[in-house]
Structures are given as structure tokens and as C-alpha cells.
Amino acid sequence: MHKEMSESLGVCIKIEAMTAEIYHAFNRLFPQVKDFWYDLALSEENHTNILLVAAGLHRARKLTEYIVSPSLSNIQETFTLVSDSRKRIGANNVSIKDAFEIALQIENSTGEDYFQQVMRQETDSEVILGLQKLLVSEQLHSVKIQDFMKTHRF
């Protein structure tokens, strides 16, 4: 269980970091809405940092056992989605509408869902409560993206 959790956390860290890269790329590609993408990128960087702290606590065996990782294959699917999206963006093959659709796919993926579930579970663990406090100000990104798309007609 410890090894599987370590692998899951490692892949989730990569997913969050690549997602931040994608949103930074959208920030550069679409200057008309650059602040929106910049805010999302910073949030993803925050997620990466939270998971790095969690991974360190996991290695020190200070995370509670209730944090059960989903199937690594499910997280790997998200990793593939994010990786493929990053390649597509690198080829400059995205419109602004594509960018929002890519972001929604990522934010509704298993890896992102896992992060949100873990960080929102009820617990009496001081360690997890500390991690959760870091996340309190975060909105669910998919809702934020959908609301922005509606108000800007993308």
C-alpha cells in the first residue's frame, strides 16, 4: 500500500505541474484572457506544492491511512491526457475554444478529482488539516472555467 500510494502521489505531482505549464502556455497564447489563465496556473502550482508536502509526509509515514489512492491506471489516464494536451499546445494547434475544452477535460479527470477528494475529506489529523487549509481558497476549477466561458461566450 505504501509503495502504491508513493507512485500515485508522484504521478499526481507530475499532473499538477504539467497542468500549470499548460495554463501558463494558454496565458501566453491568449493575451485577451491572460489573467484568467495565470490565476489557474498559480492554483495548479499551489496544488503541486501541496502534493509535494504530502509526498514528504507520506515518506515519513505521517499521513493517515484513510488516504487511499485510486487505481494507478486511472491516474495514469489523466497523466496521458495532460501529456498529450501539452504536446498539442506545443505544436500551436489550439484555438481559445480548444483551450477551454482542454482545461475542462483536465479538471474533470481522475487525477484532479483524486486531489480534490483527498484534500476535502473530514479528518482529525493535524497534518491533513494543515494541507486542507492551504486549499481552502481554491475554487473548483471546472466550475470557474465554465463560468468564465459563459460570461465571455467561448
Protein backbone atom coordinates (compact mmCIF):
# COMPACT_ATOMS: atom_id res chain seq x y z
CA MET A 1 0.00 0.00 0.00
CA HIS A 2 2.83 2.43 0.88
CA LYS A 3 4.55 1.91 -2.48
CA GLU A 4 1.30 2.28 -4.46
CA MET A 5 0.49 5.50 -2.62
CA SER A 6 4.01 6.80 -3.32
CA GLU A 7 3.58 6.08 -7.03
CA SER A 8 0.13 7.69 -7.12
CA LEU A 9 1.37 10.82 -5.39
CA GLY A 10 4.34 11.00 -7.77
CA VAL A 11 2.12 10.84 -10.84
CA CYS A 12 -0.34 13.35 -9.35
CA ILE A 13 2.54 15.78 -8.72
CA LYS A 14 3.56 15.48 -12.38
CA ILE A 15 -0.04 16.02 -13.49
CA GLU A 16 -0.41 19.19 -11.45
CA ALA A 17 2.95 20.57 -12.62
CA MET A 18 2.17 19.87 -16.29
CA THR A 19 -1.28 21.39 -15.90
CA ALA A 20 0.34 24.56 -14.57
CA GLU A 21 2.63 24.56 -17.65
CA ILE A 22 -0.41 24.21 -19.91
CA TYR A 23 -2.20 27.13 -18.25
CA HIS A 24 0.95 29.26 -18.48
CA ALA A 25 1.07 28.42 -22.20
CA PHE A 26 -2.59 29.47 -22.57
CA ASN A 27 -1.67 32.69 -20.75
CA ARG A 28 0.91 33.42 -23.47
CA LEU A 29 -1.24 32.22 -26.39
CA PHE A 30 -4.40 34.12 -25.45
CA PRO A 31 -3.46 37.56 -24.08
CA GLN A 32 -7.09 38.70 -24.18
CA VAL A 33 -7.79 36.40 -21.18
CA LYS A 34 -4.29 36.06 -19.80
CA ASP A 35 -5.24 36.90 -16.20
CA PHE A 36 -7.72 34.03 -16.12
CA TRP A 37 -5.09 31.50 -17.23
CA TYR A 38 -2.45 33.00 -14.97
CA ASP A 39 -4.70 32.55 -11.91
CA LEU A 40 -5.38 28.92 -12.86
CA ALA A 41 -1.67 28.29 -13.42
CA LEU A 42 -0.83 29.66 -9.97
CA SER A 43 -3.50 27.44 -8.42
CA GLU A 44 -2.04 24.38 -10.13
CA GLU A 45 1.42 25.35 -8.87
CA ASN A 46 -0.13 25.55 -5.39
CA HIS A 47 -1.61 22.06 -5.87
CA THR A 48 1.84 20.80 -6.88
CA ASN A 49 3.36 22.25 -3.74
CA ILE A 50 0.63 20.79 -1.54
CA LEU A 51 1.21 17.36 -3.06
CA LEU A 52 4.98 17.70 -2.61
CA VAL A 53 4.39 18.34 1.09
CA ALA A 54 2.00 15.37 1.22
CA ALA A 55 4.58 13.16 -0.51
CA GLY A 56 7.22 14.17 2.04
CA LEU A 57 4.84 13.41 4.89
CA HIS A 58 3.98 10.10 3.25
CA ARG A 59 7.66 9.15 3.04
CA ALA A 60 7.97 9.99 6.74
CA ARG A 61 4.87 7.83 7.34
CA LYS A 62 2.94 10.74 8.81
CA LEU A 63 -0.09 10.58 6.52
CA THR A 64 -3.13 8.82 7.89
CA GLU A 65 -4.13 5.53 6.34
CA TYR A 66 -7.53 6.75 5.17
CA ILE A 67 -5.92 8.40 2.18
CA VAL A 68 -6.32 5.53 -0.23
CA SER A 69 -5.11 6.10 -3.72
CA PRO A 70 -7.31 5.26 -6.64
CA SER A 71 -6.10 2.81 -9.21
CA LEU A 72 -2.75 3.91 -10.59
CA SER A 73 -4.10 3.12 -14.07
CA ASN A 74 -6.85 5.73 -13.57
CA ILE A 75 -4.30 8.35 -12.55
CA GLN A 76 -2.12 7.28 -15.47
CA GLU A 77 -5.03 8.03 -17.84
CA THR A 78 -5.07 11.59 -16.55
CA PHE A 79 -1.29 11.79 -16.95
CA THR A 80 -1.64 10.70 -20.58
CA LEU A 81 -4.42 13.24 -21.18
CA VAL A 82 -2.34 16.08 -19.74
CA SER A 83 0.81 14.96 -21.55
CA ASP A 84 -1.00 14.71 -24.89
CA SER A 85 -2.59 18.12 -24.33
CA ARG A 86 0.80 19.65 -23.60
CA LYS A 87 2.17 18.22 -26.87
CA ARG A 88 -0.79 19.58 -28.81
CA ILE A 89 -0.28 23.05 -27.32
CA GLY A 90 3.44 22.86 -28.09
CA ALA A 91 2.51 22.41 -31.75
CA ASN A 92 0.42 25.62 -31.53
CA ASN A 93 -2.59 23.64 -32.63
CA VAL A 94 -5.24 25.11 -30.31
CA SER A 95 -7.87 27.79 -30.53
CA ILE A 96 -9.14 29.64 -27.50
CA LYS A 97 -12.23 27.42 -27.51
CA ASP A 98 -9.96 24.35 -27.63
CA ALA A 99 -8.03 25.74 -24.66
CA PHE A 100 -11.15 25.91 -22.53
CA GLU A 101 -12.24 22.42 -23.60
CA ILE A 102 -8.79 21.01 -22.79
CA ALA A 103 -8.89 22.70 -19.38
CA LEU A 104 -12.31 21.23 -18.62
CA GLN A 105 -11.15 17.74 -19.62
CA ILE A 106 -8.16 18.04 -17.32
CA GLU A 107 -10.11 19.46 -14.41
CA ASN A 108 -12.74 16.73 -14.66
CA SER A 109 -10.19 13.93 -14.85
CA THR A 110 -9.49 11.21 -12.29
CA GLY A 111 -6.18 12.66 -11.11
CA GLU A 112 -7.64 16.08 -10.41
CA ASP A 113 -10.70 14.52 -8.81
CA TYR A 114 -8.46 12.46 -6.52
CA PHE A 115 -6.59 15.56 -5.39
CA GLN A 116 -9.84 17.37 -4.59
CA GLN A 117 -11.31 14.35 -2.74
CA VAL A 118 -8.25 13.77 -0.58
CA MET A 119 -7.90 17.38 0.38
CA ARG A 120 -11.57 17.71 1.32
CA GLN A 121 -12.01 14.59 3.49
CA GLU A 122 -13.04 15.02 7.10
CA THR A 123 -10.25 14.19 9.47
CA ASP A 124 -8.84 14.91 12.89
CA SER A 125 -5.28 14.63 11.58
CA GLU A 126 -3.40 17.89 12.19
CA VAL A 127 -1.24 17.12 9.16
CA ILE A 128 -4.18 16.77 6.77
CA LEU A 129 -5.98 19.74 8.32
CA GLY A 130 -2.87 21.82 7.62
CA LEU A 131 -2.85 20.70 4.00
CA GLN A 132 -6.56 21.38 3.69
CA LYS A 133 -6.11 24.95 4.95
CA LEU A 134 -3.79 25.55 2.00
CA LEU A 135 -6.60 24.55 -0.32
CA VAL A 136 -9.49 26.44 1.30
CA SER A 137 -9.20 29.46 -1.01
CA GLU A 138 -9.19 27.33 -4.14
CA GLN A 139 -12.34 27.12 -6.24
CA LEU A 140 -13.21 24.02 -8.15
CA HIS A 141 -11.51 24.83 -11.40
CA SER A 142 -14.04 23.23 -13.72
CA VAL A 143 -16.79 25.49 -12.31
CA LYS A 144 -14.52 28.52 -12.65
CA ILE A 145 -13.73 27.62 -16.27
CA GLN A 146 -17.38 27.00 -17.16
CA ASP A 147 -18.48 30.27 -15.58
CA PHE A 148 -15.78 32.19 -17.43
CA MET A 149 -16.75 30.55 -20.72
CA LYS A 150 -20.40 31.53 -20.20
CA THR A 151 -19.63 35.16 -19.42
CA HIS A 152 -17.16 35.51 -22.31
CA ARG A 153 -19.04 33.33 -24.82
CA PHE A 154 -16.26 30.87 -25.67
